[in-house]
Protein backbone atom coordinates (compact mmCIF):
# COMPACT_ATOMS: atom_id res chain seq x y z
CA UNK A 1 0.00 0.00 0.00
CA UNK A 2 2.64 2.51 -1.03
CA UNK A 3 1.89 5.36 -3.40
CA UNK A 4 4.96 5.99 -5.56
CA UNK A 5 5.28 8.89 -7.93
CA UNK A 6 7.70 8.84 -10.83
CA UNK A 7 10.40 10.31 -8.59
CA UNK A 8 9.89 7.67 -5.90
CA UNK A 9 7.97 9.82 -3.40
CA UNK A 10 6.14 7.89 -0.68
CA UNK A 11 2.85 9.40 0.47
CA UNK A 12 0.97 9.51 3.77
CA UNK A 13 -2.74 10.29 3.90
CA UNK A 14 -3.42 13.02 6.47
CA UNK A 15 -7.01 13.57 7.64
CA UNK A 16 -7.61 17.06 9.01
CA UNK A 17 -10.85 16.98 11.03
CA UNK A 18 -10.86 20.63 12.09
CA UNK A 19 -9.36 23.77 10.52
CA UNK A 20 -7.90 24.76 13.91
CA UNK A 21 -5.74 21.62 14.10
CA UNK A 22 -3.61 21.05 11.01
CA UNK A 23 -0.44 18.97 10.82
CA UNK A 24 1.80 21.99 11.50
CA UNK A 25 5.14 20.92 13.09
CA UNK A 26 4.32 17.22 12.81
CA UNK A 27 3.80 17.72 9.08
CA UNK A 28 7.17 19.46 8.82
CA UNK A 29 8.91 16.64 10.70
CA UNK A 30 7.32 13.96 8.52
CA UNK A 31 8.20 15.69 5.25
CA UNK A 32 11.76 16.33 6.47
CA UNK A 33 11.98 12.58 7.14
CA UNK A 34 11.01 11.76 3.56
CA UNK A 35 7.22 11.40 3.50
CA UNK A 36 5.00 13.34 1.13
CA UNK A 37 1.70 14.37 2.76
CA UNK A 38 -1.63 14.23 0.96
CA UNK A 39 -4.01 16.22 3.19
CA UNK A 40 -7.75 15.63 3.05
CA UNK A 41 -10.03 18.17 4.78
CA UNK A 42 -13.49 16.62 5.14
CA UNK A 43 -14.55 19.60 7.29
CA UNK A 44 -14.17 21.66 4.10
CA UNK A 45 -16.00 19.16 1.90
CA UNK A 46 -13.07 17.03 0.71
CA UNK A 47 -14.02 13.44 -0.06
CA UNK A 48 -12.33 10.72 1.95
CA UNK A 49 -11.01 7.72 0.03
CA UNK A 50 -12.72 4.37 0.42
CA UNK A 51 -9.46 2.60 1.24
CA UNK A 52 -5.75 3.19 1.78
CA UNK A 53 -4.53 1.71 -1.49
CA UNK A 54 -1.52 3.69 -2.61
CA UNK A 55 -0.73 5.21 0.79
CA UNK A 56 2.26 4.28 2.92
CA UNK A 57 0.81 5.71 6.15
CA UNK A 58 -2.25 7.29 7.73
CA UNK A 59 -2.29 10.31 10.07
CA UNK A 60 -5.55 11.40 11.74
CA UNK A 61 -5.49 14.78 13.46
CA UNK A 62 -7.52 16.31 16.28
CA UNK A 63 -10.45 18.71 16.51
CA UNK A 64 -13.10 20.20 18.73
CA UNK A 65 -15.69 17.52 17.91
CA UNK A 66 -16.61 14.53 20.06
CA UNK A 67 -15.74 10.97 19.07
CA UNK A 68 -18.94 9.65 20.66
CA UNK A 69 -22.44 10.05 19.12
CA UNK A 70 -24.70 12.99 19.85
CA UNK A 71 -27.84 12.42 21.98
CA UNK A 72 -29.81 11.56 18.84
CA UNK A 73 -27.28 8.86 17.97
CA UNK A 74 -25.74 10.75 15.07
CA UNK A 75 -21.96 11.25 14.84
CA UNK A 76 -20.61 14.68 15.77
CA UNK A 77 -19.25 14.96 12.21
CA UNK A 78 -20.87 13.11 9.32
CA UNK A 79 -17.51 11.87 8.02
CA UNK A 80 -16.47 10.19 11.27
CA UNK A 81 -17.84 6.74 10.32
CA UNK A 82 -15.67 6.83 7.19
CA UNK A 83 -12.63 7.86 9.24
CA UNK A 84 -13.28 4.97 11.62
CA UNK A 85 -13.61 2.60 8.65
CA UNK A 86 -10.22 3.74 7.35
CA UNK A 87 -8.70 3.29 10.80
CA UNK A 88 -10.01 -0.28 10.93
CA UNK A 89 -8.56 -0.98 7.49
CA UNK A 90 -5.24 0.53 8.53
CA UNK A 91 -4.95 -1.77 11.54
CA UNK A 92 -6.13 -4.79 9.57
CA UNK A 93 -3.68 -4.20 6.71
CA UNK A 94 -0.81 -3.01 8.93
CA UNK A 95 -0.60 0.47 7.43
CA UNK A 96 1.50 2.65 9.77
CA UNK A 97 -0.98 4.94 11.53
CA UNK A 98 -0.59 7.90 13.86
CA UNK A 99 -3.76 9.33 15.46
CA UNK A 100 -3.65 12.52 17.55
CA UNK A 101 -6.12 13.53 20.31
CA UNK A 102 -9.56 13.29 18.61
CA UNK A 103 -7.87 11.01 16.09
CA UNK A 104 -6.75 8.72 18.92
CA UNK A 105 -10.26 8.69 20.30
CA UNK A 106 -11.61 7.72 16.87
CA UNK A 107 -8.98 4.98 16.65
CA UNK A 108 -10.32 3.68 19.95
CA UNK A 109 -14.03 3.90 19.07
CA UNK A 110 -13.37 2.32 15.67
CA UNK A 111 -12.22 -0.79 17.56
CA UNK A 112 -14.94 -0.92 20.25
CA UNK A 113 -13.14 1.26 22.76
CA UNK A 114 -15.06 3.87 24.76
CA UNK A 115 -14.77 7.67 24.78
CA UNK A 116 -16.67 9.85 27.26
CA UNK A 117 -16.71 13.35 28.67
CA UNK A 118 -14.11 13.02 31.39
CA UNK A 119 -15.29 13.30 34.99
CA UNK A 120 -11.78 14.59 35.76
CA UNK A 121 -12.45 17.82 33.88
CA UNK A 122 -10.46 19.42 31.06
CA UNK A 123 -6.73 18.89 30.63
CA UNK A 124 -5.17 21.94 29.00
CA UNK A 125 -1.67 23.29 28.47
CA UNK A 126 1.83 21.92 29.03
CA UNK A 127 2.04 18.58 30.80
CA UNK A 128 4.01 15.39 31.15
CA UNK A 129 2.96 11.77 30.74
CA UNK A 130 4.56 8.62 32.12
CA UNK A 131 5.90 5.96 29.79
CA UNK A 132 4.70 2.45 30.63
CA UNK A 133 6.90 -0.65 30.74
CA UNK A 134 5.39 -1.95 27.49
CA UNK A 135 6.95 1.01 25.68
CA UNK A 136 10.37 -0.63 26.04
CA UNK A 137 9.47 -3.09 23.27
CA UNK A 138 7.67 -0.56 21.07
CA UNK A 139 9.45 0.52 17.85
CA UNK A 140 8.45 4.18 18.30
CA UNK A 141 8.13 4.62 22.07
CA UNK A 142 11.22 2.70 23.19
CA UNK A 143 13.34 5.83 22.67
CA UNK A 144 10.89 8.26 24.29
CA UNK A 145 12.00 9.51 27.75
CA UNK A 146 10.30 8.10 30.83
CA UNK A 147 8.40 11.35 31.46
CA UNK A 148 8.15 13.27 28.17
CA UNK A 149 6.77 16.78 27.75
CA UNK A 150 3.50 17.09 25.80
CA UNK A 151 0.72 19.57 25.11
CA UNK A 152 -2.82 18.79 26.29
CA UNK A 153 -6.09 20.32 25.10
CA UNK A 154 -9.10 18.09 25.66
CA UNK A 155 -12.12 17.45 27.87
CA UNK A 156 -12.99 13.95 26.62
CA UNK A 157 -11.08 10.80 27.48
CA UNK A 158 -10.66 7.26 26.28
CA UNK A 159 -12.24 5.52 29.25
CA UNK A 160 -11.76 1.98 27.87
CA UNK A 161 -9.10 0.94 25.42
CA UNK A 162 -9.98 -1.54 22.67
CA UNK A 163 -9.43 -5.19 23.48
CA UNK A 164 -5.86 -6.11 22.69
CA UNK A 165 -4.54 -2.54 22.78
CA UNK A 166 -1.12 -1.98 24.37
CA UNK A 167 -0.94 0.94 26.80
CA UNK A 168 2.26 2.92 26.23
CA UNK A 169 1.83 6.08 28.31
CA UNK A 170 -0.43 7.21 31.15
CA UNK A 171 -1.06 10.01 33.63
CA UNK A 172 -2.80 10.19 36.97
CA UNK A 173 -6.01 11.86 35.81
CA UNK A 174 -6.13 10.41 32.30
CA UNK A 175 -4.78 6.85 32.38
CA UNK A 176 -4.89 6.22 28.62
CA UNK A 177 -2.48 8.78 27.16
CA UNK A 178 -0.91 6.65 24.41
CA UNK A 179 -1.58 3.19 23.05
CA UNK A 180 -0.87 0.91 20.14
CA UNK A 181 -3.25 -1.33 18.22
CA UNK A 182 -1.72 -4.21 16.35
CA UNK A 183 1.93 -3.51 15.60
CA UNK A 184 1.65 -0.34 13.48
CA UNK A 185 -1.16 1.94 14.75
CA UNK A 186 -0.54 4.47 17.53
CA UNK A 187 -2.99 6.75 19.33
CA UNK A 188 -1.81 9.80 21.30
CA UNK A 189 -4.34 11.58 23.53
CA UNK A 190 -1.94 14.53 23.74
CA UNK A 191 -0.71 16.92 21.05
CA UNK A 192 2.75 16.99 19.49
CA UNK A 193 1.92 18.93 16.32
CA UNK A 194 1.28 22.37 17.83
CA UNK A 195 3.33 25.51 17.39
CA UNK A 196 2.84 28.65 19.44
CA UNK A 197 0.51 30.24 16.89
CA UNK A 198 -1.80 27.22 17.04
CA UNK A 199 -1.87 27.30 20.84
CA UNK A 200 -2.63 31.03 20.73
CA UNK A 201 -5.56 30.42 18.40
CA UNK A 202 -6.93 27.73 20.72
CA UNK A 203 -6.53 29.99 23.74
CA UNK A 204 -8.53 32.83 22.21
CA UNK A 205 -12.01 32.81 23.79
CA UNK A 206 -11.41 29.25 24.98
CA UNK A 207 -14.28 27.80 27.01
CA UNK A 208 -11.92 25.19 28.47
CA UNK A 209 -9.56 27.84 29.80
CA UNK A 210 -12.51 29.79 31.17
CA UNK A 211 -13.81 26.66 32.90
CA UNK A 212 -10.41 26.13 34.52
CA UNK A 213 -9.92 29.81 35.35
CA UNK A 214 -6.61 29.96 33.44
CA UNK A 215 -5.23 33.18 31.95
CA UNK A 216 -4.92 32.59 28.18
CA UNK A 217 -1.77 34.70 27.89
CA UNK A 218 -0.06 32.71 30.62
CA UNK A 219 -1.02 29.40 29.02
CA UNK A 220 0.35 30.52 25.65
CA UNK A 221 3.56 31.77 27.25
CA UNK A 222 4.29 28.55 29.16
CA UNK A 223 3.51 26.46 26.07
CA UNK A 224 5.83 28.63 23.99
CA UNK A 225 8.60 28.11 26.54
CA UNK A 226 8.20 24.32 26.18
CA UNK A 227 8.30 24.15 22.36
CA UNK A 228 11.97 23.18 22.21
CA UNK A 229 11.54 20.43 24.82
CA UNK A 230 8.58 18.96 22.94
CA UNK A 231 10.50 19.03 19.67
CA UNK A 232 13.49 17.26 21.21
CA UNK A 233 11.29 14.27 22.07
CA UNK A 234 8.68 14.15 19.34
CA UNK A 235 10.60 15.16 16.21
CA UNK A 236 12.68 11.95 16.45
CA UNK A 237 9.46 10.05 17.22
CA UNK A 238 7.91 11.43 14.01
CA UNK A 239 11.07 10.54 12.10
CA UNK A 240 10.84 6.95 13.35
CA UNK A 241 7.20 6.81 12.23
CA UNK A 242 8.22 8.08 8.79
CA UNK A 243 11.02 5.51 8.65
CA UNK A 244 8.48 2.78 9.42
CA UNK A 245 6.28 3.99 6.55
CA UNK A 246 9.31 4.13 4.26
CA UNK A 247 10.32 0.59 5.21
CA UNK A 248 13.55 1.79 6.79
CA UNK A 249 12.87 1.09 10.49
CA UNK A 250 14.08 -1.98 12.33
CA UNK A 251 10.88 -3.11 14.04
CA UNK A 252 12.42 -5.93 16.05
CA UNK A 253 12.17 -5.78 19.85
CA UNK A 254 15.13 -4.50 21.79
CA UNK A 255 17.19 -7.49 22.86
CA UNK A 256 18.49 -7.70 26.39
CA UNK A 257 22.09 -8.51 27.10
CA UNK A 258 22.55 -12.23 27.89
CA UNK A 259 23.07 -13.23 31.48
CA UNK A 260 26.57 -14.29 32.43
CA UNK A 261 26.97 -18.05 32.36
CA UNK A 262 24.14 -18.60 29.90
CA UNK A 263 24.22 -19.13 26.16
């Protein structure tokens, strides 16, 4: 499932669910690592493909919508069922997949996980998450620090992971911060794609910040101060994801040193 142009370019399908959350720095990191991005904006009327034929990877971005149905049973966005169908196909066909915030929630719901409005309240601004032991054997997370810096901006949570999912990162209030389905699909509840301008846009007239009583200017300033730290962790992570899509990543588990006296 690799789309090759005449000059050998390998393409990732990027689904932008909301105009306020584009690929931004993540997109730059992926293209620097050798992936071409084909961005589809269903919120603007772009048609989603029926399958992933011709694509080396799938990236699903965040948004203000909810991953769970509205009270009348309808999806928050009419294209969400098609996004979920693509996410199921990606896992089934082992297409490298990276799903961010809302995208991670859709990855969960597409595989019978559960997303709800969190009783813990909104999680907004700079934060850290804790890497779980299972990350040691993960091709992307094994090189992530034990407590990496991230950006948070959500009020919903993945309350139940899909059956068979591997939990890779957690936090006290939101236990499902990162997970993997199969061996090539990752969901991140947090954001790694943001730059300061994106955070500033989110902070303007933010109901989440108002609910928490946070000063928008302070939130933007502390996020801006953390941009370099986030890049140090997640730019190499994005490069490893691109290498996986390009067929250049060694996916084997890290091997422990043999014990003395044993063969």
